[in-house]
Amino acid sequence: QMRRSSVFVASNIAEGSARGSNPNFVR
């Protein structure tokens, strides 16, 4: 669980920046 949650943080930041629009990135 610790390993998966730490990867989750980095993955969501990367995915948010790829989406481009500000509301999606913020979410």
PDB file of all heavy atoms in Angstrom:
ATOM      1  N   GLN A   1       0.828  -1.202   0.000  1.00  0.00           N
ATOM      2  CA  GLN A   1       0.000   0.000   0.000  1.00  0.00           C
ATOM      3  C   GLN A   1       0.869   1.262   0.000  1.00  0.00           C
ATOM      4  O   GLN A   1       0.555   2.227  -0.706  1.00  0.00           O
ATOM      5  CB  GLN A   1      -0.922  -0.006   1.208  1.00  0.00           C
ATOM      6  CG  GLN A   1      -1.899   1.138   1.218  1.00  0.00           C
ATOM      7  CD  GLN A   1      -2.865   1.044   2.386  1.00  0.00           C
ATOM      8  OE1 GLN A   1      -2.825   0.112   3.179  1.00  0.00           O
ATOM      9  NE2 GLN A   1      -3.745   2.016   2.481  1.00  0.00           N
ATOM     10  N   MET A   2       1.938   1.266   0.758  1.00  0.00           N
ATOM     11  CA  MET A   2       2.839   2.422   0.776  1.00  0.00           C
ATOM     12  C   MET A   2       3.457   2.657  -0.604  1.00  0.00           C
ATOM     13  O   MET A   2       3.510   3.794  -1.079  1.00  0.00           O
ATOM     14  CB  MET A   2       3.964   2.192   1.792  1.00  0.00           C
ATOM     15  CG  MET A   2       3.561   2.369   3.217  1.00  0.00           C
ATOM     16  SD  MET A   2       4.854   1.966   4.412  1.00  0.00           S
ATOM     17  CE  MET A   2       6.326   2.619   3.703  1.00  0.00           C
ATOM     18  N   ARG A   3       3.890   1.592  -1.227  1.00  0.00           N
ATOM     19  CA  ARG A   3       4.511   1.734  -2.550  1.00  0.00           C
ATOM     20  C   ARG A   3       3.501   2.214  -3.592  1.00  0.00           C
ATOM     21  O   ARG A   3       3.798   3.112  -4.387  1.00  0.00           O
ATOM     22  CB  ARG A   3       5.122   0.409  -2.982  1.00  0.00           C
ATOM     23  CG  ARG A   3       6.363   0.072  -2.208  1.00  0.00           C
ATOM     24  CD  ARG A   3       6.927  -1.254  -2.626  1.00  0.00           C
ATOM     25  NE  ARG A   3       8.229  -1.469  -1.988  1.00  0.00           N
ATOM     26  CZ  ARG A   3       8.783  -2.634  -1.838  1.00  0.00           C
ATOM     27  NH1 ARG A   3       8.189  -3.717  -2.282  1.00  0.00           N
ATOM     28  NH2 ARG A   3       9.951  -2.744  -1.249  1.00  0.00           N
ATOM     29  N   ARG A   4       2.327   1.628  -3.589  1.00  0.00           N
ATOM     30  CA  ARG A   4       1.308   2.024  -4.564  1.00  0.00           C
ATOM     31  C   ARG A   4       0.863   3.464  -4.366  1.00  0.00           C
ATOM     32  O   ARG A   4       0.668   4.204  -5.336  1.00  0.00           O
ATOM     33  CB  ARG A   4       0.103   1.097  -4.508  1.00  0.00           C
ATOM     34  CG  ARG A   4       0.390  -0.272  -5.119  1.00  0.00           C
ATOM     35  CD  ARG A   4      -0.827  -1.184  -5.104  1.00  0.00           C
ATOM     36  NE  ARG A   4      -1.079  -1.626  -3.729  1.00  0.00           N
ATOM     37  CZ  ARG A   4      -2.222  -1.433  -3.075  1.00  0.00           C
ATOM     38  NH1 ARG A   4      -3.226  -0.830  -3.653  1.00  0.00           N
ATOM     39  NH2 ARG A   4      -2.359  -1.858  -1.839  1.00  0.00           N
ATOM     40  N   SER A   5       0.721   3.896  -3.128  1.00  0.00           N
ATOM     41  CA  SER A   5       0.278   5.268  -2.876  1.00  0.00           C
ATOM     42  C   SER A   5       1.325   6.291  -3.290  1.00  0.00           C
ATOM     43  O   SER A   5       0.981   7.368  -3.780  1.00  0.00           O
ATOM     44  CB  SER A   5      -0.106   5.454  -1.410  1.00  0.00           C
ATOM     45  OG  SER A   5       0.993   5.280  -0.571  1.00  0.00           O
ATOM     46  N   SER A   6       2.595   5.973  -3.119  1.00  0.00           N
ATOM     47  CA  SER A   6       3.629   6.914  -3.536  1.00  0.00           C
ATOM     48  C   SER A   6       3.683   7.033  -5.061  1.00  0.00           C
ATOM     49  O   SER A   6       3.890   8.126  -5.593  1.00  0.00           O
ATOM     50  CB  SER A   6       4.990   6.522  -2.973  1.00  0.00           C
ATOM     51  OG  SER A   6       5.437   5.303  -3.494  1.00  0.00           O
ATOM     52  N   VAL A   7       3.474   5.941  -5.762  1.00  0.00           N
ATOM     53  CA  VAL A   7       3.421   5.983  -7.224  1.00  0.00           C
ATOM     54  C   VAL A   7       2.177   6.728  -7.697  1.00  0.00           C
ATOM     55  O   VAL A   7       2.205   7.451  -8.696  1.00  0.00           O
ATOM     56  CB  VAL A   7       3.475   4.552  -7.813  1.00  0.00           C
ATOM     57  CG1 VAL A   7       3.195   4.555  -9.303  1.00  0.00           C
ATOM     58  CG2 VAL A   7       4.819   3.921  -7.522  1.00  0.00           C
ATOM     59  N   PHE A   8       1.083   6.595  -6.963  1.00  0.00           N
ATOM     60  CA  PHE A   8      -0.172   7.270  -7.283  1.00  0.00           C
ATOM     61  C   PHE A   8       0.025   8.784  -7.336  1.00  0.00           C
ATOM     62  O   PHE A   8      -0.516   9.454  -8.217  1.00  0.00           O
ATOM     63  CB  PHE A   8      -1.223   6.891  -6.224  1.00  0.00           C
ATOM     64  CG  PHE A   8      -2.543   7.559  -6.379  1.00  0.00           C
ATOM     65  CD1 PHE A   8      -3.457   7.104  -7.310  1.00  0.00           C
ATOM     66  CD2 PHE A   8      -2.894   8.631  -5.573  1.00  0.00           C
ATOM     67  CE1 PHE A   8      -4.695   7.711  -7.445  1.00  0.00           C
ATOM     68  CE2 PHE A   8      -4.128   9.238  -5.702  1.00  0.00           C
ATOM     69  CZ  PHE A   8      -5.020   8.782  -6.640  1.00  0.00           C
ATOM     70  N   VAL A   9       0.801   9.328  -6.412  1.00  0.00           N
ATOM     71  CA  VAL A   9       1.046  10.773  -6.377  1.00  0.00           C
ATOM     72  C   VAL A   9       1.737  11.227  -7.660  1.00  0.00           C
ATOM     73  O   VAL A   9       1.266  12.135  -8.346  1.00  0.00           O
ATOM     74  CB  VAL A   9       1.877  11.161  -5.130  1.00  0.00           C
ATOM     75  CG1 VAL A   9       2.275  12.620  -5.179  1.00  0.00           C
ATOM     76  CG2 VAL A   9       1.113  10.854  -3.859  1.00  0.00           C
ATOM     77  N   ALA A  10       2.836  10.586  -8.008  1.00  0.00           N
ATOM     78  CA  ALA A  10       3.579  10.971  -9.214  1.00  0.00           C
ATOM     79  C   ALA A  10       2.749  10.764 -10.477  1.00  0.00           C
ATOM     80  O   ALA A  10       2.778  11.591 -11.392  1.00  0.00           O
ATOM     81  CB  ALA A  10       4.873  10.171  -9.306  1.00  0.00           C
ATOM     82  N   SER A  11       1.976   9.696 -10.520  1.00  0.00           N
ATOM     83  CA  SER A  11       1.159   9.399 -11.702  1.00  0.00           C
ATOM     84  C   SER A  11       0.074  10.442 -11.911  1.00  0.00           C
ATOM     85  O   SER A  11      -0.191  10.856 -13.043  1.00  0.00           O
ATOM     86  CB  SER A  11       0.507   8.027 -11.564  1.00  0.00           C
ATOM     87  OG  SER A  11       1.485   7.031 -11.485  1.00  0.00           O
ATOM     88  N   ASN A  12      -0.568  10.881 -10.844  1.00  0.00           N
ATOM     89  CA  ASN A  12      -1.619  11.887 -10.976  1.00  0.00           C
ATOM     90  C   ASN A  12      -1.063  13.243 -11.385  1.00  0.00           C
ATOM     91  O   ASN A  12      -1.697  13.968 -12.138  1.00  0.00           O
ATOM     92  CB  ASN A  12      -2.420  12.001  -9.681  1.00  0.00           C
ATOM     93  CG  ASN A  12      -3.523  10.985  -9.629  1.00  0.00           C
ATOM     94  OD1 ASN A  12      -4.347  10.915 -10.522  1.00  0.00           O
ATOM     95  ND2 ASN A  12      -3.522  10.183  -8.590  1.00  0.00           N
ATOM     96  N   ILE A  13       0.107  13.586 -10.917  1.00  0.00           N
ATOM     97  CA  ILE A  13       0.731  14.836 -11.340  1.00  0.00           C
ATOM     98  C   ILE A  13       1.050  14.778 -12.828  1.00  0.00           C
ATOM     99  O   ILE A  13       0.761  15.709 -13.586  1.00  0.00           O
ATOM    100  CB  ILE A  13       1.994  15.120 -10.510  1.00  0.00           C
ATOM    101  CG1 ILE A  13       1.605  15.389  -9.055  1.00  0.00           C
ATOM    102  CG2 ILE A  13       2.787  16.281 -11.098  1.00  0.00           C
ATOM    103  CD1 ILE A  13       2.776  15.402  -8.100  1.00  0.00           C
ATOM    104  N   ALA A  14       1.611  13.664 -13.291  1.00  0.00           N
ATOM    105  CA  ALA A  14       1.940  13.507 -14.709  1.00  0.00           C
ATOM    106  C   ALA A  14       0.682  13.515 -15.568  1.00  0.00           C
ATOM    107  O   ALA A  14       0.635  14.181 -16.609  1.00  0.00           O
ATOM    108  CB  ALA A  14       2.713  12.206 -14.916  1.00  0.00           C
ATOM    109  N   GLU A  15      -0.335  12.802 -15.136  1.00  0.00           N
ATOM    110  CA  GLU A  15      -1.578  12.754 -15.919  1.00  0.00           C
ATOM    111  C   GLU A  15      -2.245  14.118 -15.966  1.00  0.00           C
ATOM    112  O   GLU A  15      -2.750  14.539 -17.002  1.00  0.00           O
ATOM    113  CB  GLU A  15      -2.541  11.734 -15.322  1.00  0.00           C
ATOM    114  CG  GLU A  15      -3.810  11.577 -16.129  1.00  0.00           C
ATOM    115  CD  GLU A  15      -4.763  10.539 -15.566  1.00  0.00           C
ATOM    116  OE1 GLU A  15      -4.364   9.766 -14.679  1.00  0.00           O
ATOM    117  OE2 GLU A  15      -5.916  10.525 -16.025  1.00  0.00           O
ATOM    118  N   GLY A  16      -2.246  14.819 -14.851  1.00  0.00           N
ATOM    119  CA  GLY A  16      -2.862  16.146 -14.819  1.00  0.00           C
ATOM    120  C   GLY A  16      -2.174  17.123 -15.739  1.00  0.00           C
ATOM    121  O   GLY A  16      -2.822  17.918 -16.414  1.00  0.00           O
ATOM    122  N   SER A  17      -0.861  17.070 -15.801  1.00  0.00           N
ATOM    123  CA  SER A  17      -0.146  17.989 -16.684  1.00  0.00           C
ATOM    124  C   SER A  17      -0.361  17.637 -18.148  1.00  0.00           C
ATOM    125  O   SER A  17      -0.313  18.503 -19.010  1.00  0.00           O
ATOM    126  CB  SER A  17       1.340  17.998 -16.349  1.00  0.00           C
ATOM    127  OG  SER A  17       1.943  16.779 -16.700  1.00  0.00           O
ATOM    128  N   ALA A  18      -0.623  16.391 -18.438  1.00  0.00           N
ATOM    129  CA  ALA A  18      -0.847  15.966 -19.827  1.00  0.00           C
ATOM    130  C   ALA A  18      -2.221  16.376 -20.335  1.00  0.00           C
ATOM    131  O   ALA A  18      -2.409  16.555 -21.531  1.00  0.00           O
ATOM    132  CB  ALA A  18      -0.688  14.459 -19.946  1.00  0.00           C
ATOM    133  N   ARG A  19      -3.161  16.524 -19.439  1.00  0.00           N
ATOM    134  CA  ARG A  19      -4.519  16.879 -19.864  1.00  0.00           C
ATOM    135  C   ARG A  19      -4.626  18.310 -20.341  1.00  0.00           C
ATOM    136  O   ARG A  19      -5.521  18.630 -21.094  1.00  0.00           O
ATOM    137  CB  ARG A  19      -5.496  16.639 -18.718  1.00  0.00           C
ATOM    138  CG  ARG A  19      -5.578  15.180 -18.361  1.00  0.00           C
ATOM    139  CD  ARG A  19      -6.960  14.754 -18.175  1.00  0.00           C
ATOM    140  NE  ARG A  19      -6.998  13.317 -17.902  1.00  0.00           N
ATOM    141  CZ  ARG A  19      -7.943  12.753 -17.221  1.00  0.00           C
ATOM    142  NH1 ARG A  19      -8.925  13.474 -16.726  1.00  0.00           N
ATOM    143  NH2 ARG A  19      -7.933  11.458 -17.036  1.00  0.00           N
ATOM    144  N   GLY A  20      -3.772  19.166 -19.843  1.00  0.00           N
ATOM    145  CA  GLY A  20      -3.688  20.516 -20.379  1.00  0.00           C
ATOM    146  C   GLY A  20      -4.623  21.532 -19.771  1.00  0.00           C
ATOM    147  O   GLY A  20      -4.195  22.604 -19.421  1.00  0.00           O
ATOM    148  N   SER A  21      -5.895  21.215 -19.629  1.00  0.00           N
ATOM    149  CA  SER A  21      -6.822  22.223 -19.125  1.00  0.00           C
ATOM    150  C   SER A  21      -6.649  22.393 -17.622  1.00  0.00           C
ATOM    151  O   SER A  21      -6.405  21.433 -16.896  1.00  0.00           O
ATOM    152  CB  SER A  21      -8.264  21.856 -19.461  1.00  0.00           C
ATOM    153  OG  SER A  21      -8.668  20.732 -18.722  1.00  0.00           O
ATOM    154  N   ASN A  22      -6.772  23.605 -17.173  1.00  0.00           N
ATOM    155  CA  ASN A  22      -6.527  23.923 -15.777  1.00  0.00           C
ATOM    156  C   ASN A  22      -7.456  23.187 -14.814  1.00  0.00           C
ATOM    157  O   ASN A  22      -6.974  22.670 -13.806  1.00  0.00           O
ATOM    158  CB  ASN A  22      -6.592  25.434 -15.559  1.00  0.00           C
ATOM    159  CG  ASN A  22      -6.033  25.845 -14.223  1.00  0.00           C
ATOM    160  OD1 ASN A  22      -5.151  25.190 -13.687  1.00  0.00           O
ATOM    161  ND2 ASN A  22      -6.534  26.933 -13.697  1.00  0.00           N
ATOM    162  N   PRO A  23      -8.774  23.084 -15.055  1.00  0.00           N
ATOM    163  CA  PRO A  23      -9.627  22.362 -14.098  1.00  0.00           C
ATOM    164  C   PRO A  23      -9.238  20.889 -13.928  1.00  0.00           C
ATOM    165  O   PRO A  23      -9.248  20.369 -12.811  1.00  0.00           O
ATOM    166  CB  PRO A  23     -11.033  22.479 -14.687  1.00  0.00           C
ATOM    167  CG  PRO A  23     -10.991  23.678 -15.567  1.00  0.00           C
ATOM    168  CD  PRO A  23      -9.582  23.735 -16.091  1.00  0.00           C
ATOM    169  N   ASN A  24      -8.887  20.218 -15.019  1.00  0.00           N
ATOM    170  CA  ASN A  24      -8.460  18.829 -14.909  1.00  0.00           C
ATOM    171  C   ASN A  24      -7.147  18.693 -14.165  1.00  0.00           C
ATOM    172  O   ASN A  24      -6.958  17.781 -13.352  1.00  0.00           O
ATOM    173  CB  ASN A  24      -8.311  18.193 -16.296  1.00  0.00           C
ATOM    174  CG  ASN A  24      -9.654  17.844 -16.903  1.00  0.00           C
ATOM    175  OD1 ASN A  24     -10.612  17.588 -16.195  1.00  0.00           O
ATOM    176  ND2 ASN A  24      -9.703  17.846 -18.217  1.00  0.00           N
ATOM    177  N   PHE A  25      -6.220  19.601 -14.447  1.00  0.00           N
ATOM    178  CA  PHE A  25      -4.920  19.560 -13.774  1.00  0.00           C
ATOM    179  C   PHE A  25      -5.100  19.767 -12.269  1.00  0.00           C
ATOM    180  O   PHE A  25      -4.540  19.025 -11.462  1.00  0.00           O
ATOM    181  CB  PHE A  25      -3.995  20.609 -14.364  1.00  0.00           C
ATOM    182  CG  PHE A  25      -2.626  20.623 -13.752  1.00  0.00           C
ATOM    183  CD1 PHE A  25      -1.808  19.510 -13.856  1.00  0.00           C
ATOM    184  CD2 PHE A  25      -2.150  21.727 -13.084  1.00  0.00           C
ATOM    185  CE1 PHE A  25      -0.532  19.506 -13.296  1.00  0.00           C
ATOM    186  CE2 PHE A  25      -0.893  21.742 -12.531  1.00  0.00           C
ATOM    187  CZ  PHE A  25      -0.082  20.625 -12.638  1.00  0.00           C
ATOM    188  N   VAL A  26      -5.904  20.758 -11.901  1.00  0.00           N
ATOM    189  CA  VAL A  26      -6.136  21.039 -10.489  1.00  0.00           C
ATOM    190  C   VAL A  26      -6.797  19.867  -9.805  1.00  0.00           C
ATOM    191  O   VAL A  26      -6.432  19.508  -8.688  1.00  0.00           O
ATOM    192  CB  VAL A  26      -6.989  22.346 -10.341  1.00  0.00           C
ATOM    193  CG1 VAL A  26      -7.454  22.531  -8.909  1.00  0.00           C
ATOM    194  CG2 VAL A  26      -6.200  23.541 -10.810  1.00  0.00           C
ATOM    195  N   ARG A  27      -7.752  19.237 -10.457  1.00  0.00           N
ATOM    196  CA  ARG A  27      -8.453  18.099  -9.864  1.00  0.00           C
ATOM    197  C   ARG A  27      -7.485  16.934  -9.602  1.00  0.00           C
ATOM    198  O   ARG A  27      -7.508  16.327  -8.536  1.00  0.00           O
ATOM    199  CB  ARG A  27      -9.586  17.624 -10.789  1.00  0.00           C
ATOM    200  CG  ARG A  27     -10.418  16.483 -10.222  1.00  0.00           C
ATOM    201  CD  ARG A  27     -11.592  16.170 -11.125  1.00  0.00           C
ATOM    202  NE  ARG A  27     -11.213  15.831 -12.466  1.00  0.00           N
ATOM    203  CZ  ARG A  27     -10.854  14.604 -12.871  1.00  0.00           C
ATOM    204  NH1 ARG A  27     -10.827  13.617 -12.017  1.00  0.00           N
ATOM    205  NH2 ARG A  27     -10.534  14.373 -14.123  1.00  0.00           N
TER     206      ARG A  27
END
